[in-house]
Amino acid sequence: MNNNENKNGFLSLFLNIKFSKFSYLLISLVLLLIIYPVFEGDQSRLELFFLIVVIIQIAGIYAISYTRTDFIIGTVLGLLWLIFSLAFWFFPMKIDFILSIFFGVLFLIFTTLIILYHVLQGQKVTVDTLFGAICVFILIGIIWSGIYFLINTLSPGSFLVSEAYNYENSTIKWSALLFYSYSTYTPLSNSAIYPATSYAESAAAFEAIFGHLYVVMLVARLVGLYIVKYRDQGQK
C-alpha cells in the first residue's frame, strides 16, 4: 500500500513539475546562469543572449499573471526594458543603456515581489511553491547585480576589483557583479570585488539583509505549512 502511494506521489510530482506555473521562469533563469559565460566578450553571440533575456521576460510575465493588473504592469515594464535595450543596441547612447538597466531591474523587482507574495501566502507546499521560492532566490542575485551595474555606470569606480579581472573599474562587467551579488548573501566567498562608495556599500548591505531575511521567512513559512498539514491529518 505504501509503495503504491509513493509511486502515485512521484507520478503526481512529475505531472506538477511538467505543468508548473513557475517552471518556465526557473528554466530560463537557470539557462541564463549556465550559459552567460559563453557570451563573455563575444559580440557575435549577443543576439542569443538577448533572446534568452526576452524569454525570461515572457516567462516572468506568465508567472505573475494572477490578475489583470499584474499582467498589465509586468507587460509595460517588460516592454520598456525591451524598447530601451533595442534602442541601445541600434543607437548606442548612454541614456538608453541606463534606462534599459533601470527598467530591467524594475521588471525583475516587480516579478520577484509578486512571486514572493504567492509563495509566502500559499496554504500548502506544492512543486510550484518550491519552484517559485527558487526563482525568488535566483532573482535576488540578478536584481542586485543590475543595481550594482547601474551604480557603477552612473558613478564609475564604485566597485574596486583585483588585478585578476584585467579591466578597469569603470568598465567592470555585469558577470563580475553577478558573482559579487551572489557572494554577498550566500556562503560563496569573494575577495576580488568590494564596494568603494557609500552608495555601493549601502546596496550591498541591503542585499545581505534582504537575502538572509528571505531565507528565514521562507523556511519558517514552509515549516509552518508542514506542521499544519500533519496536525490536520492527525485530527482526522
C-alpha atoms as a PDB file:
ATOM      1  CA  MET A   1       0.000   0.000   0.000  1.00  0.00           C
ATOM      2  CA  ASN A   2       2.766   2.389   0.934  1.00  0.00           C
ATOM      3  CA  ASN A   3       4.679   1.544  -2.246  1.00  0.00           C
ATOM      4  CA  ASN A   4       1.628   2.357  -4.367  1.00  0.00           C
ATOM      5  CA  GLU A   5       1.144   5.617  -2.510  1.00  0.00           C
ATOM      6  CA  ASN A   6       4.800   6.507  -3.070  1.00  0.00           C
ATOM      7  CA  LYS A   7       4.518   5.684  -6.775  1.00  0.00           C
ATOM      8  CA  ASN A   8       1.399   7.818  -7.082  1.00  0.00           C
ATOM      9  CA  GLY A   9       3.158  10.586  -5.198  1.00  0.00           C
ATOM     10  CA  PHE A  10       6.126  10.516  -7.575  1.00  0.00           C
ATOM     11  CA  LEU A  11       3.787  10.469 -10.578  1.00  0.00           C
ATOM     12  CA  SER A  12       1.871  13.443  -9.218  1.00  0.00           C
ATOM     13  CA  LEU A  13       5.140  15.270  -8.589  1.00  0.00           C
ATOM     14  CA  PHE A  14       6.272  14.647 -12.169  1.00  0.00           C
ATOM     15  CA  LEU A  15       2.995  15.939 -13.591  1.00  0.00           C
ATOM     16  CA  ASN A  16       3.120  19.019 -11.388  1.00  0.00           C
ATOM     17  CA  ILE A  17       6.672  19.768 -12.499  1.00  0.00           C
ATOM     18  CA  LYS A  18       5.663  19.473 -16.117  1.00  0.00           C
ATOM     19  CA  PHE A  19       2.820  21.976 -15.861  1.00  0.00           C
ATOM     20  CA  SER A  20       4.144  24.197 -13.072  1.00  0.00           C
ATOM     21  CA  LYS A  21       3.448  27.922 -13.440  1.00  0.00           C
ATOM     22  CA  PHE A  22       6.936  28.919 -12.317  1.00  0.00           C
ATOM     23  CA  SER A  23       8.827  26.126 -14.070  1.00  0.00           C
ATOM     24  CA  TYR A  24       9.306  28.096 -17.318  1.00  0.00           C
ATOM     25  CA  LEU A  25      10.783  31.076 -15.484  1.00  0.00           C
ATOM     26  CA  LEU A  26      13.024  28.817 -13.413  1.00  0.00           C
ATOM     27  CA  ILE A  27      14.314  27.021 -16.512  1.00  0.00           C
ATOM     28  CA  SER A  28      15.063  30.322 -18.280  1.00  0.00           C
ATOM     29  CA  LEU A  29      16.882  31.717 -15.216  1.00  0.00           C
ATOM     30  CA  VAL A  30      18.992  28.591 -14.788  1.00  0.00           C
ATOM     31  CA  LEU A  31      19.746  28.641 -18.511  1.00  0.00           C
ATOM     32  CA  LEU A  32      20.948  32.243 -18.202  1.00  0.00           C
ATOM     33  CA  LEU A  33      23.259  31.392 -15.304  1.00  0.00           C
ATOM     34  CA  ILE A  34      24.675  28.361 -17.104  1.00  0.00           C
ATOM     35  CA  ILE A  35      25.433  29.893 -20.491  1.00  0.00           C
ATOM     36  CA  TYR A  36      26.195  33.559 -19.771  1.00  0.00           C
ATOM     37  CA  PRO A  37      29.968  32.817 -19.641  1.00  0.00           C
ATOM     38  CA  VAL A  38      29.700  31.774 -23.294  1.00  0.00           C
ATOM     39  CA  PHE A  39      28.814  35.336 -24.264  1.00  0.00           C
ATOM     40  CA  GLU A  40      31.611  36.937 -22.257  1.00  0.00           C
ATOM     41  CA  GLY A  41      33.495  39.181 -24.662  1.00  0.00           C
ATOM     42  CA  ASP A  42      31.872  37.653 -27.758  1.00  0.00           C
ATOM     43  CA  GLN A  43      29.827  40.273 -29.586  1.00  0.00           C
ATOM     44  CA  SER A  44      28.737  37.774 -32.245  1.00  0.00           C
ATOM     45  CA  ARG A  45      26.694  35.826 -29.700  1.00  0.00           C
ATOM     46  CA  LEU A  46      24.869  38.739 -28.105  1.00  0.00           C
ATOM     47  CA  GLU A  47      21.787  38.026 -30.215  1.00  0.00           C
ATOM     48  CA  LEU A  48      21.327  34.680 -28.475  1.00  0.00           C
ATOM     49  CA  PHE A  49      21.883  36.286 -25.075  1.00  0.00           C
ATOM     50  CA  PHE A  50      19.270  38.900 -25.937  1.00  0.00           C
ATOM     51  CA  LEU A  51      16.874  36.107 -26.954  1.00  0.00           C
ATOM     52  CA  ILE A  52      17.288  34.468 -23.540  1.00  0.00           C
ATOM     53  CA  VAL A  53      16.504  37.800 -21.864  1.00  0.00           C
ATOM     54  CA  VAL A  54      13.307  38.048 -23.936  1.00  0.00           C
ATOM     55  CA  ILE A  55      12.380  34.501 -22.901  1.00  0.00           C
ATOM     56  CA  ILE A  56      12.885  35.493 -19.264  1.00  0.00           C
ATOM     57  CA  GLN A  57      10.586  38.472 -19.806  1.00  0.00           C
ATOM     58  CA  ILE A  58       7.847  36.306 -21.320  1.00  0.00           C
ATOM     59  CA  ALA A  59       8.214  33.606 -18.656  1.00  0.00           C
ATOM     60  CA  GLY A  60       8.200  36.265 -15.948  1.00  0.00           C
ATOM     61  CA  ILE A  61       5.005  37.872 -17.244  1.00  0.00           C
ATOM     62  CA  TYR A  62       3.358  34.458 -17.445  1.00  0.00           C
ATOM     63  CA  ALA A  63       4.471  33.613 -13.895  1.00  0.00           C
ATOM     64  CA  ILE A  64       2.946  36.774 -12.367  1.00  0.00           C
ATOM     65  CA  SER A  65      -0.262  36.880 -14.398  1.00  0.00           C
ATOM     66  CA  TYR A  66      -2.558  36.225 -11.454  1.00  0.00           C
ATOM     67  CA  THR A  67      -4.590  39.371 -12.055  1.00  0.00           C
ATOM     68  CA  ARG A  68      -5.165  41.707 -14.970  1.00  0.00           C
ATOM     69  CA  THR A  69      -3.323  44.497 -13.127  1.00  0.00           C
ATOM     70  CA  ASP A  70      -0.248  42.338 -12.534  1.00  0.00           C
ATOM     71  CA  PHE A  71      -0.235  41.324 -16.190  1.00  0.00           C
ATOM     72  CA  ILE A  72      -0.512  44.924 -17.429  1.00  0.00           C
ATOM     73  CA  ILE A  73       2.189  46.297 -15.112  1.00  0.00           C
ATOM     74  CA  GLY A  74       4.530  43.395 -15.900  1.00  0.00           C
ATOM     75  CA  THR A  75       3.962  43.772 -19.638  1.00  0.00           C
ATOM     76  CA  VAL A  76       4.560  47.549 -19.585  1.00  0.00           C
ATOM     77  CA  LEU A  77       7.784  47.220 -17.601  1.00  0.00           C
ATOM     78  CA  GLY A  78       8.927  44.344 -19.829  1.00  0.00           C
ATOM     79  CA  LEU A  79       8.230  46.348 -22.989  1.00  0.00           C
ATOM     80  CA  LEU A  80      10.081  49.397 -21.655  1.00  0.00           C
ATOM     81  CA  TRP A  81      13.047  47.180 -20.829  1.00  0.00           C
ATOM     82  CA  LEU A  82      12.913  45.683 -24.328  1.00  0.00           C
ATOM     83  CA  ILE A  83      12.485  49.047 -26.100  1.00  0.00           C
ATOM     84  CA  PHE A  84      15.449  50.737 -24.424  1.00  0.00           C
ATOM     85  CA  SER A  85      17.584  47.623 -24.857  1.00  0.00           C
ATOM     86  CA  LEU A  86      16.869  47.645 -28.597  1.00  0.00           C
ATOM     87  CA  ALA A  87      17.432  51.405 -28.741  1.00  0.00           C
ATOM     88  CA  PHE A  88      20.869  50.990 -27.178  1.00  0.00           C
ATOM     89  CA  TRP A  89      21.626  48.070 -29.494  1.00  0.00           C
ATOM     90  CA  PHE A  90      20.935  50.025 -32.689  1.00  0.00           C
ATOM     91  CA  PHE A  91      21.806  53.546 -31.481  1.00  0.00           C
ATOM     92  CA  PRO A  92      24.333  53.197 -28.650  1.00  0.00           C
ATOM     93  CA  MET A  93      23.726  56.045 -26.235  1.00  0.00           C
ATOM     94  CA  LYS A  94      24.460  56.077 -22.516  1.00  0.00           C
ATOM     95  CA  ILE A  95      20.943  57.249 -21.584  1.00  0.00           C
ATOM     96  CA  ASP A  96      19.387  54.277 -23.396  1.00  0.00           C
ATOM     97  CA  PHE A  97      21.803  51.943 -21.633  1.00  0.00           C
ATOM     98  CA  ILE A  98      20.942  53.411 -18.224  1.00  0.00           C
ATOM     99  CA  LEU A  99      17.192  53.271 -18.874  1.00  0.00           C
ATOM    100  CA  SER A 100      17.493  49.701 -20.115  1.00  0.00           C
ATOM    101  CA  ILE A 101      19.148  48.639 -16.853  1.00  0.00           C
ATOM    102  CA  PHE A 102      16.683  50.700 -14.807  1.00  0.00           C
ATOM    103  CA  PHE A 103      13.532  49.228 -16.339  1.00  0.00           C
ATOM    104  CA  GLY A 104      15.086  45.756 -16.359  1.00  0.00           C
ATOM    105  CA  VAL A 105      15.667  45.994 -12.616  1.00  0.00           C
ATOM    106  CA  LEU A 106      12.137  47.352 -12.070  1.00  0.00           C
ATOM    107  CA  PHE A 107      10.635  44.486 -14.068  1.00  0.00           C
ATOM    108  CA  LEU A 108      12.582  41.886 -12.103  1.00  0.00           C
ATOM    109  CA  ILE A 109      11.733  43.534  -8.773  1.00  0.00           C
ATOM    110  CA  PHE A 110       8.032  43.554  -9.625  1.00  0.00           C
ATOM    111  CA  THR A 111       8.191  39.931 -10.790  1.00  0.00           C
ATOM    112  CA  THR A 112      10.027  38.888  -7.627  1.00  0.00           C
ATOM    113  CA  LEU A 113       7.571  40.635  -5.304  1.00  0.00           C
ATOM    114  CA  ILE A 114       4.543  39.021  -6.948  1.00  0.00           C
ATOM    115  CA  ILE A 115       6.108  35.562  -6.826  1.00  0.00           C
ATOM    116  CA  LEU A 116       7.266  36.080  -3.236  1.00  0.00           C
ATOM    117  CA  TYR A 117       3.759  37.107  -2.188  1.00  0.00           C
ATOM    118  CA  HIS A 118       2.199  33.947  -3.628  1.00  0.00           C
ATOM    119  CA  VAL A 119       4.953  31.709  -2.239  1.00  0.00           C
ATOM    120  CA  LEU A 120       4.526  33.048   1.296  1.00  0.00           C
ATOM    121  CA  GLN A 121       0.711  33.231   1.131  1.00  0.00           C
ATOM    122  CA  GLY A 122       0.230  29.687  -0.176  1.00  0.00           C
ATOM    123  CA  GLN A 123      -1.828  27.387   2.022  1.00  0.00           C
ATOM    124  CA  LYS A 124       0.082  24.245   1.093  1.00  0.00           C
ATOM    125  CA  VAL A 125       3.512  23.290  -0.182  1.00  0.00           C
ATOM    126  CA  THR A 126       3.446  22.298  -3.849  1.00  0.00           C
ATOM    127  CA  VAL A 127       6.051  21.875  -6.544  1.00  0.00           C
ATOM    128  CA  ASP A 128       5.024  25.290  -7.841  1.00  0.00           C
ATOM    129  CA  THR A 129       5.661  26.768  -4.406  1.00  0.00           C
ATOM    130  CA  LEU A 130       9.165  25.319  -4.339  1.00  0.00           C
ATOM    131  CA  PHE A 131       9.898  26.447  -7.899  1.00  0.00           C
ATOM    132  CA  GLY A 132       8.661  29.934  -7.049  1.00  0.00           C
ATOM    133  CA  ALA A 133      10.892  30.033  -3.970  1.00  0.00           C
ATOM    134  CA  ILE A 134      13.922  29.036  -6.065  1.00  0.00           C
ATOM    135  CA  CYS A 135      13.040  31.668  -8.679  1.00  0.00           C
ATOM    136  CA  VAL A 136      12.992  34.366  -5.995  1.00  0.00           C
ATOM    137  CA  PHE A 137      16.364  33.221  -4.648  1.00  0.00           C
ATOM    138  CA  ILE A 138      17.941  33.410  -8.121  1.00  0.00           C
ATOM    139  CA  LEU A 139      16.226  36.701  -8.960  1.00  0.00           C
ATOM    140  CA  ILE A 140      17.574  38.395  -5.831  1.00  0.00           C
ATOM    141  CA  GLY A 141      21.112  37.919  -7.106  1.00  0.00           C
ATOM    142  CA  ILE A 142      20.275  39.064 -10.638  1.00  0.00           C
ATOM    143  CA  ILE A 143      18.376  42.135  -9.412  1.00  0.00           C
ATOM    144  CA  TRP A 144      21.214  43.334  -7.218  1.00  0.00           C
ATOM    145  CA  SER A 145      23.771  42.695  -9.947  1.00  0.00           C
ATOM    146  CA  GLY A 146      21.710  45.079 -12.083  1.00  0.00           C
ATOM    147  CA  ILE A 147      21.596  47.620  -9.247  1.00  0.00           C
ATOM    148  CA  TYR A 148      25.360  47.371  -8.807  1.00  0.00           C
ATOM    149  CA  PHE A 149      25.870  47.718 -12.551  1.00  0.00           C
ATOM    150  CA  LEU A 150      23.638  50.801 -12.616  1.00  0.00           C
ATOM    151  CA  ILE A 151      25.505  52.360  -9.674  1.00  0.00           C
ATOM    152  CA  ASN A 152      28.854  51.722 -11.327  1.00  0.00           C
ATOM    153  CA  THR A 153      27.598  53.125 -14.633  1.00  0.00           C
ATOM    154  CA  LEU A 154      26.373  56.349 -13.014  1.00  0.00           C
ATOM    155  CA  SER A 155      29.402  56.566 -10.718  1.00  0.00           C
ATOM    156  CA  PRO A 156      32.394  54.770 -12.287  1.00  0.00           C
ATOM    157  CA  GLY A 157      34.735  53.241  -9.764  1.00  0.00           C
ATOM    158  CA  SER A 158      32.004  52.446  -7.231  1.00  0.00           C
ATOM    159  CA  PHE A 159      33.379  48.898  -7.110  1.00  0.00           C
ATOM    160  CA  LEU A 160      37.046  48.036  -6.859  1.00  0.00           C
ATOM    161  CA  VAL A 161      38.324  44.822  -8.381  1.00  0.00           C
ATOM    162  CA  SER A 162      41.516  42.836  -8.131  1.00  0.00           C
ATOM    163  CA  GLU A 163      44.032  42.694 -10.946  1.00  0.00           C
ATOM    164  CA  ALA A 164      42.844  39.158 -11.770  1.00  0.00           C
ATOM    165  CA  TYR A 165      39.939  40.580 -13.781  1.00  0.00           C
ATOM    166  CA  ASN A 166      42.253  42.542 -16.093  1.00  0.00           C
ATOM    167  CA  TYR A 167      39.990  45.517 -16.730  1.00  0.00           C
ATOM    168  CA  GLU A 168      39.361  48.974 -15.378  1.00  0.00           C
ATOM    169  CA  ASN A 169      36.938  49.574 -12.506  1.00  0.00           C
ATOM    170  CA  SER A 170      34.837  51.901 -14.664  1.00  0.00           C
ATOM    171  CA  THR A 171      34.213  49.128 -17.203  1.00  0.00           C
ATOM    172  CA  ILE A 172      33.561  46.296 -14.760  1.00  0.00           C
ATOM    173  CA  LYS A 173      31.430  43.647 -16.432  1.00  0.00           C
ATOM    174  CA  TRP A 174      27.966  42.531 -15.340  1.00  0.00           C
ATOM    175  CA  SER A 175      29.176  38.950 -14.888  1.00  0.00           C
ATOM    176  CA  ALA A 176      31.668  40.058 -12.229  1.00  0.00           C
ATOM    177  CA  LEU A 177      28.956  41.976 -10.389  1.00  0.00           C
ATOM    178  CA  LEU A 178      26.642  38.974 -10.661  1.00  0.00           C
ATOM    179  CA  PHE A 179      29.286  36.872  -8.934  1.00  0.00           C
ATOM    180  CA  TYR A 180      29.706  39.584  -6.295  1.00  0.00           C
ATOM    181  CA  SER A 181      25.938  39.742  -5.816  1.00  0.00           C
ATOM    182  CA  TYR A 182      25.566  36.037  -5.047  1.00  0.00           C
ATOM    183  CA  SER A 183      28.639  36.075  -2.818  1.00  0.00           C
ATOM    184  CA  THR A 184      27.037  38.859  -0.776  1.00  0.00           C
ATOM    185  CA  TYR A 185      24.142  36.805   0.587  1.00  0.00           C
ATOM    186  CA  THR A 186      25.417  33.245   0.191  1.00  0.00           C
ATOM    187  CA  PRO A 187      28.412  31.381   1.700  1.00  0.00           C
ATOM    188  CA  LEU A 188      30.251  31.908  -1.598  1.00  0.00           C
ATOM    189  CA  SER A 189      33.449  33.726  -0.656  1.00  0.00           C
ATOM    190  CA  ASN A 190      34.676  36.745  -2.591  1.00  0.00           C
ATOM    191  CA  SER A 191      37.810  38.809  -2.101  1.00  0.00           C
ATOM    192  CA  ALA A 192      38.189  40.123  -5.646  1.00  0.00           C
ATOM    193  CA  ILE A 193      35.412  42.751  -5.654  1.00  0.00           C
ATOM    194  CA  TYR A 194      34.291  45.165  -2.968  1.00  0.00           C
ATOM    195  CA  PRO A 195      32.277  48.403  -2.824  1.00  0.00           C
ATOM    196  CA  ALA A 196      34.224  51.656  -2.821  1.00  0.00           C
ATOM    197  CA  THR A 197      31.466  54.272  -2.394  1.00  0.00           C
ATOM    198  CA  SER A 198      28.716  54.817   0.150  1.00  0.00           C
ATOM    199  CA  TYR A 199      26.007  54.012  -2.437  1.00  0.00           C
ATOM    200  CA  ALA A 200      27.659  50.725  -3.336  1.00  0.00           C
ATOM    201  CA  GLU A 201      28.178  49.821   0.321  1.00  0.00           C
ATOM    202  CA  SER A 202      24.550  50.626   1.143  1.00  0.00           C
ATOM    203  CA  ALA A 203      23.274  48.478  -1.732  1.00  0.00           C
ATOM    204  CA  ALA A 204      25.498  45.567  -0.700  1.00  0.00           C
ATOM    205  CA  ALA A 205      24.397  45.804   2.941  1.00  0.00           C
ATOM    206  CA  PHE A 206      20.731  45.885   1.949  1.00  0.00           C
ATOM    207  CA  GLU A 207      21.146  42.823  -0.270  1.00  0.00           C
ATOM    208  CA  ALA A 208      22.815  40.883   2.543  1.00  0.00           C
ATOM    209  CA  ILE A 209      19.992  41.788   4.935  1.00  0.00           C
ATOM    210  CA  PHE A 210      17.184  41.072   2.466  1.00  0.00           C
ATOM    211  CA  GLY A 211      18.737  37.822   1.254  1.00  0.00           C
ATOM    212  CA  HIS A 212      19.095  36.381   4.736  1.00  0.00           C
ATOM    213  CA  LEU A 213      15.638  37.577   5.815  1.00  0.00           C
ATOM    214  CA  TYR A 214      14.138  35.890   2.762  1.00  0.00           C
ATOM    215  CA  VAL A 215      15.706  32.550   3.655  1.00  0.00           C
ATOM    216  CA  VAL A 216      14.497  32.850   7.266  1.00  0.00           C
ATOM    217  CA  MET A 217      10.942  33.792   6.235  1.00  0.00           C
ATOM    218  CA  LEU A 218      10.787  31.038   3.625  1.00  0.00           C
ATOM    219  CA  VAL A 219      11.963  28.301   5.980  1.00  0.00           C
ATOM    220  CA  ALA A 220       9.579  29.488   8.711  1.00  0.00           C
ATOM    221  CA  ARG A 221       6.659  29.548   6.278  1.00  0.00           C
ATOM    222  CA  LEU A 222       7.348  26.112   4.772  1.00  0.00           C
ATOM    223  CA  VAL A 223       7.877  24.515   8.180  1.00  0.00           C
ATOM    224  CA  GLY A 224       4.670  26.118   9.406  1.00  0.00           C
ATOM    225  CA  LEU A 225       2.717  24.739   6.460  1.00  0.00           C
ATOM    226  CA  TYR A 226       4.066  21.233   7.063  1.00  0.00           C
ATOM    227  CA  ILE A 227       3.165  21.429  10.757  1.00  0.00           C
ATOM    228  CA  VAL A 228      -0.391  22.491   9.919  1.00  0.00           C
ATOM    229  CA  LYS A 229      -0.658  19.742   7.303  1.00  0.00           C
ATOM    230  CA  TYR A 230       0.359  16.925   9.663  1.00  0.00           C
ATOM    231  CA  ARG A 231      -1.696  18.349  12.528  1.00  0.00           C
ATOM    232  CA  ASP A 232      -4.798  18.351  10.346  1.00  0.00           C
ATOM    233  CA  GLN A 233      -4.066  14.793   9.218  1.00  0.00           C
ATOM    234  CA  GLY A 234      -3.735  13.697  12.841  1.00  0.00           C
ATOM    235  CA  GLN A 235      -7.105  15.195  13.722  1.00  0.00           C
ATOM    236  CA  LYS A 236      -8.891  13.215  11.015  1.00  0.00           C
END
